[in-house]
Amino acid sequence: MDPSTGKAAGFGELKGGLLVDGLSMGWCRRLLRDERSVLAEVGVHIGFQCAVGMNGRVWVDAGEEGRTILVARAIREAEGLEEEEVKKLVRELVLKL
């Protein structure tokens, strides 16, 4: 929804993928604005689609179940970590693929 008009913004229904919920609003805001976020770090290793909501939910789809779960885990586990800790977390998760 486009908040300025209250109408659909043309993105359509999210199909497939995985919904990560229970995230803090602050974490969702950080995911949207921080260019060095966990999303950017995971994107170095895995291509994926993502929709971040301001309701504590993030939808991800990396095409394959294992990769999608990896992205979801990285998002959930990176909350509260510093930049170097995020890089280490993502490297460890990618090695498990």
N, C-alpha and C. Protein backbone atom coordinates (compact mmCIF):
# COMPACT_ATOMS: atom_id res chain seq x y z
N MET A 1 0.84 -1.18 0.00
CA MET A 1 0.00 0.00 0.00
C MET A 1 0.88 1.24 0.00
N ASP A 2 0.47 2.21 -0.75
CA ASP A 2 1.13 3.51 -0.75
C ASP A 2 0.49 4.33 0.37
N PRO A 3 1.25 4.70 1.40
CA PRO A 3 0.65 5.40 2.53
C PRO A 3 0.08 6.77 2.18
N SER A 4 0.59 7.39 1.14
CA SER A 4 0.09 8.73 0.78
C SER A 4 -1.27 8.68 0.10
N THR A 5 -1.55 7.58 -0.61
CA THR A 5 -2.83 7.48 -1.31
C THR A 5 -3.78 6.47 -0.69
N GLY A 6 -3.23 5.54 0.08
CA GLY A 6 -4.06 4.49 0.67
C GLY A 6 -4.46 3.42 -0.32
N LYS A 7 -3.80 3.42 -1.49
CA LYS A 7 -4.11 2.45 -2.54
C LYS A 7 -2.91 1.55 -2.79
N ALA A 8 -3.15 0.46 -3.51
CA ALA A 8 -2.08 -0.47 -3.85
C ALA A 8 -1.00 0.25 -4.65
N ALA A 9 0.26 -0.07 -4.34
CA ALA A 9 1.39 0.58 -4.99
C ALA A 9 1.86 -0.20 -6.21
N GLY A 10 1.17 -1.27 -6.58
CA GLY A 10 1.51 -2.00 -7.79
C GLY A 10 2.51 -3.11 -7.63
N PHE A 11 2.87 -3.47 -6.43
CA PHE A 11 3.85 -4.52 -6.24
C PHE A 11 3.23 -5.91 -6.34
N GLY A 12 1.97 -6.06 -5.98
CA GLY A 12 1.30 -7.33 -6.09
C GLY A 12 1.55 -8.24 -4.89
N GLU A 13 0.98 -9.42 -4.98
CA GLU A 13 1.05 -10.40 -3.91
C GLU A 13 2.43 -11.03 -3.84
N LEU A 14 2.91 -11.24 -2.62
CA LEU A 14 4.18 -11.93 -2.42
C LEU A 14 3.91 -13.42 -2.43
N LYS A 15 4.53 -14.12 -3.37
CA LYS A 15 4.29 -15.57 -3.50
C LYS A 15 5.58 -16.32 -3.24
N GLY A 16 5.45 -17.49 -2.63
CA GLY A 16 6.62 -18.28 -2.33
C GLY A 16 7.41 -17.65 -1.20
N GLY A 17 8.65 -17.99 -1.10
CA GLY A 17 9.52 -17.39 -0.10
C GLY A 17 9.15 -17.73 1.32
N LEU A 18 9.62 -16.92 2.23
CA LEU A 18 9.46 -17.17 3.66
C LEU A 18 9.23 -15.84 4.36
N LEU A 19 8.33 -15.83 5.33
CA LEU A 19 8.04 -14.64 6.10
C LEU A 19 8.74 -14.74 7.45
N VAL A 20 9.56 -13.76 7.75
CA VAL A 20 10.24 -13.68 9.04
C VAL A 20 9.47 -12.64 9.85
N ASP A 21 8.91 -13.06 10.98
CA ASP A 21 8.16 -12.09 11.77
C ASP A 21 8.70 -12.01 13.18
N GLY A 22 8.17 -11.07 13.94
CA GLY A 22 8.61 -10.88 15.32
C GLY A 22 9.86 -10.03 15.43
N LEU A 23 10.21 -9.31 14.36
CA LEU A 23 11.38 -8.43 14.41
C LEU A 23 10.97 -7.08 14.99
N SER A 24 11.90 -6.36 15.56
CA SER A 24 11.58 -5.05 16.13
C SER A 24 11.42 -4.03 15.00
N MET A 25 10.64 -3.01 15.28
CA MET A 25 10.43 -1.93 14.30
C MET A 25 11.75 -1.22 14.01
N GLY A 26 12.57 -1.06 15.04
CA GLY A 26 13.87 -0.42 14.85
C GLY A 26 14.76 -1.22 13.90
N TRP A 27 14.72 -2.54 14.02
CA TRP A 27 15.52 -3.40 13.15
C TRP A 27 15.02 -3.28 11.71
N CYS A 28 13.71 -3.26 11.53
CA CYS A 28 13.16 -3.12 10.18
C CYS A 28 13.56 -1.78 9.56
N ARG A 29 13.53 -0.71 10.34
CA ARG A 29 13.96 0.60 9.83
C ARG A 29 15.43 0.55 9.43
N ARG A 30 16.25 -0.10 10.26
CA ARG A 30 17.68 -0.19 9.96
C ARG A 30 17.92 -1.00 8.69
N LEU A 31 17.16 -2.09 8.50
CA LEU A 31 17.30 -2.88 7.28
C LEU A 31 17.00 -2.04 6.04
N LEU A 32 16.05 -1.15 6.15
CA LEU A 32 15.66 -0.33 5.00
C LEU A 32 16.66 0.77 4.69
N ARG A 33 17.30 1.33 5.70
CA ARG A 33 18.13 2.52 5.45
C ARG A 33 19.63 2.26 5.44
N ASP A 34 20.09 1.21 6.09
CA ASP A 34 21.53 0.99 6.24
C ASP A 34 22.09 0.25 5.03
N GLU A 35 22.95 0.91 4.28
CA GLU A 35 23.55 0.31 3.09
C GLU A 35 24.53 -0.80 3.43
N ARG A 36 24.97 -0.88 4.68
CA ARG A 36 25.90 -1.92 5.10
C ARG A 36 25.19 -2.97 5.94
N SER A 37 23.90 -3.09 5.76
CA SER A 37 23.11 -4.00 6.59
C SER A 37 23.39 -5.45 6.23
N VAL A 38 22.78 -6.33 6.98
CA VAL A 38 22.89 -7.76 6.73
C VAL A 38 22.37 -8.09 5.33
N LEU A 39 21.39 -7.35 4.84
CA LEU A 39 20.87 -7.61 3.49
C LEU A 39 21.96 -7.42 2.44
N ALA A 40 22.74 -6.36 2.58
CA ALA A 40 23.82 -6.11 1.63
C ALA A 40 24.89 -7.19 1.73
N GLU A 41 25.21 -7.60 2.93
CA GLU A 41 26.25 -8.62 3.12
C GLU A 41 25.81 -9.96 2.56
N VAL A 42 24.57 -10.36 2.80
CA VAL A 42 24.07 -11.62 2.23
C VAL A 42 24.03 -11.52 0.71
N GLY A 43 23.67 -10.35 0.20
CA GLY A 43 23.59 -10.15 -1.25
C GLY A 43 24.91 -10.33 -1.97
N VAL A 44 26.01 -10.21 -1.27
CA VAL A 44 27.33 -10.46 -1.86
C VAL A 44 27.46 -11.93 -2.25
N HIS A 45 26.81 -12.81 -1.49
CA HIS A 45 26.94 -14.25 -1.66
C HIS A 45 25.75 -14.91 -2.34
N ILE A 46 24.55 -14.37 -2.13
CA ILE A 46 23.33 -15.00 -2.60
C ILE A 46 22.39 -13.96 -3.19
N GLY A 47 21.84 -14.24 -4.35
CA GLY A 47 20.82 -13.36 -4.91
C GLY A 47 19.47 -13.68 -4.26
N PHE A 48 18.73 -12.66 -3.89
CA PHE A 48 17.43 -12.88 -3.26
C PHE A 48 16.55 -11.65 -3.43
N GLN A 49 15.26 -11.86 -3.22
CA GLN A 49 14.29 -10.77 -3.20
C GLN A 49 13.86 -10.58 -1.76
N CYS A 50 13.50 -9.35 -1.42
CA CYS A 50 13.16 -9.05 -0.04
C CYS A 50 12.16 -7.91 0.02
N ALA A 51 11.22 -8.00 0.92
CA ALA A 51 10.28 -6.92 1.20
C ALA A 51 10.26 -6.72 2.71
N VAL A 52 10.63 -5.52 3.14
CA VAL A 52 10.69 -5.20 4.57
C VAL A 52 9.46 -4.39 4.93
N GLY A 53 8.71 -4.87 5.90
CA GLY A 53 7.53 -4.15 6.37
C GLY A 53 7.82 -3.44 7.67
N MET A 54 7.09 -2.38 7.91
CA MET A 54 7.25 -1.65 9.16
C MET A 54 6.35 -2.23 10.25
N ASN A 55 5.98 -3.48 10.07
CA ASN A 55 5.17 -4.20 11.04
C ASN A 55 5.95 -5.33 11.72
N GLY A 56 7.28 -5.30 11.59
CA GLY A 56 8.11 -6.34 12.20
C GLY A 56 8.22 -7.60 11.37
N ARG A 57 7.84 -7.51 10.08
CA ARG A 57 7.89 -8.67 9.20
C ARG A 57 8.77 -8.38 7.98
N VAL A 58 9.49 -9.42 7.57
CA VAL A 58 10.32 -9.34 6.37
C VAL A 58 10.05 -10.59 5.54
N TRP A 59 9.75 -10.40 4.27
CA TRP A 59 9.54 -11.52 3.34
C TRP A 59 10.81 -11.67 2.52
N VAL A 60 11.30 -12.91 2.37
CA VAL A 60 12.49 -13.18 1.56
C VAL A 60 12.25 -14.38 0.65
N ASP A 61 12.89 -14.34 -0.51
CA ASP A 61 12.84 -15.46 -1.44
C ASP A 61 14.16 -15.50 -2.20
N ALA A 62 14.91 -16.57 -2.01
CA ALA A 62 16.20 -16.73 -2.68
C ALA A 62 16.14 -17.81 -3.75
N GLY A 63 14.94 -18.23 -4.11
CA GLY A 63 14.79 -19.21 -5.18
C GLY A 63 14.83 -20.65 -4.72
N GLU A 64 15.73 -20.97 -3.85
CA GLU A 64 15.86 -22.33 -3.32
C GLU A 64 15.57 -22.30 -1.82
N GLU A 65 14.96 -23.37 -1.33
CA GLU A 65 14.55 -23.42 0.07
C GLU A 65 15.72 -23.18 1.03
N GLY A 66 16.83 -23.86 0.82
CA GLY A 66 17.99 -23.72 1.71
C GLY A 66 18.55 -22.32 1.73
N ARG A 67 18.62 -21.70 0.57
CA ARG A 67 19.13 -20.33 0.49
C ARG A 67 18.16 -19.34 1.12
N THR A 68 16.88 -19.57 0.92
CA THR A 68 15.87 -18.69 1.53
C THR A 68 15.95 -18.75 3.04
N ILE A 69 16.11 -19.96 3.58
CA ILE A 69 16.22 -20.13 5.02
C ILE A 69 17.49 -19.45 5.53
N LEU A 70 18.58 -19.54 4.78
CA LEU A 70 19.82 -18.88 5.17
C LEU A 70 19.61 -17.37 5.29
N VAL A 71 18.96 -16.77 4.30
CA VAL A 71 18.72 -15.32 4.33
C VAL A 71 17.86 -14.97 5.54
N ALA A 72 16.81 -15.75 5.78
CA ALA A 72 15.92 -15.49 6.92
C ALA A 72 16.68 -15.61 8.24
N ARG A 73 17.52 -16.62 8.37
CA ARG A 73 18.32 -16.78 9.60
C ARG A 73 19.26 -15.61 9.80
N ALA A 74 19.89 -15.18 8.72
CA ALA A 74 20.83 -14.05 8.82
C ALA A 74 20.10 -12.80 9.31
N ILE A 75 18.92 -12.54 8.76
CA ILE A 75 18.15 -11.37 9.18
C ILE A 75 17.80 -11.46 10.65
N ARG A 76 17.31 -12.60 11.07
CA ARG A 76 16.88 -12.78 12.47
C ARG A 76 18.07 -12.70 13.43
N GLU A 77 19.17 -13.36 13.09
CA GLU A 77 20.31 -13.46 14.01
C GLU A 77 21.19 -12.21 14.02
N ALA A 78 21.10 -11.37 13.00
CA ALA A 78 21.97 -10.20 12.93
C ALA A 78 21.47 -9.01 13.72
N GLU A 79 20.23 -9.08 14.17
CA GLU A 79 19.68 -7.94 14.92
C GLU A 79 20.55 -7.67 16.15
N GLY A 80 21.00 -6.45 16.29
CA GLY A 80 21.82 -6.04 17.42
C GLY A 80 23.31 -6.24 17.26
N LEU A 81 23.73 -6.86 16.15
CA LEU A 81 25.17 -7.09 15.93
C LEU A 81 25.83 -5.89 15.26
N GLU A 82 27.11 -5.75 15.49
CA GLU A 82 27.92 -4.72 14.82
C GLU A 82 28.27 -5.21 13.42
N GLU A 83 28.75 -4.30 12.57
CA GLU A 83 29.03 -4.61 11.17
C GLU A 83 29.97 -5.80 10.99
N GLU A 84 31.06 -5.86 11.75
CA GLU A 84 32.01 -6.97 11.61
C GLU A 84 31.40 -8.29 12.07
N GLU A 85 30.57 -8.23 13.09
CA GLU A 85 29.89 -9.43 13.57
C GLU A 85 28.90 -9.95 12.54
N VAL A 86 28.26 -9.04 11.82
CA VAL A 86 27.33 -9.42 10.76
C VAL A 86 28.08 -10.13 9.64
N LYS A 87 29.23 -9.59 9.26
CA LYS A 87 30.03 -10.22 8.20
C LYS A 87 30.45 -11.63 8.60
N LYS A 88 30.86 -11.79 9.85
CA LYS A 88 31.26 -13.11 10.34
C LYS A 88 30.07 -14.07 10.33
N LEU A 89 28.92 -13.63 10.80
CA LEU A 89 27.72 -14.45 10.81
C LEU A 89 27.36 -14.92 9.42
N VAL A 90 27.36 -14.01 8.46
CA VAL A 90 26.99 -14.35 7.08
C VAL A 90 27.99 -15.34 6.50
N ARG A 91 29.28 -15.12 6.72
CA ARG A 91 30.30 -16.07 6.21
C ARG A 91 30.06 -17.46 6.78
N GLU A 92 29.77 -17.55 8.07
CA GLU A 92 29.53 -18.86 8.70
C GLU A 92 28.28 -19.54 8.11
N LEU A 93 27.23 -18.77 7.88
CA LEU A 93 26.01 -19.34 7.31
C LEU A 93 26.22 -19.81 5.88
N VAL A 94 26.95 -19.02 5.10
CA VAL A 94 27.20 -19.37 3.70
C VAL A 94 28.05 -20.63 3.61
N LEU A 95 28.98 -20.81 4.50
CA LEU A 95 29.82 -22.01 4.50
C LEU A 95 29.01 -23.29 4.74
N LYS A 96 27.86 -23.16 5.39
CA LYS A 96 27.01 -24.32 5.70
C LYS A 96 26.15 -24.73 4.50
N LEU A 97 26.13 -23.92 3.44
CA LEU A 97 25.31 -24.26 2.26
C LEU A 97 25.82 -25.50 1.57
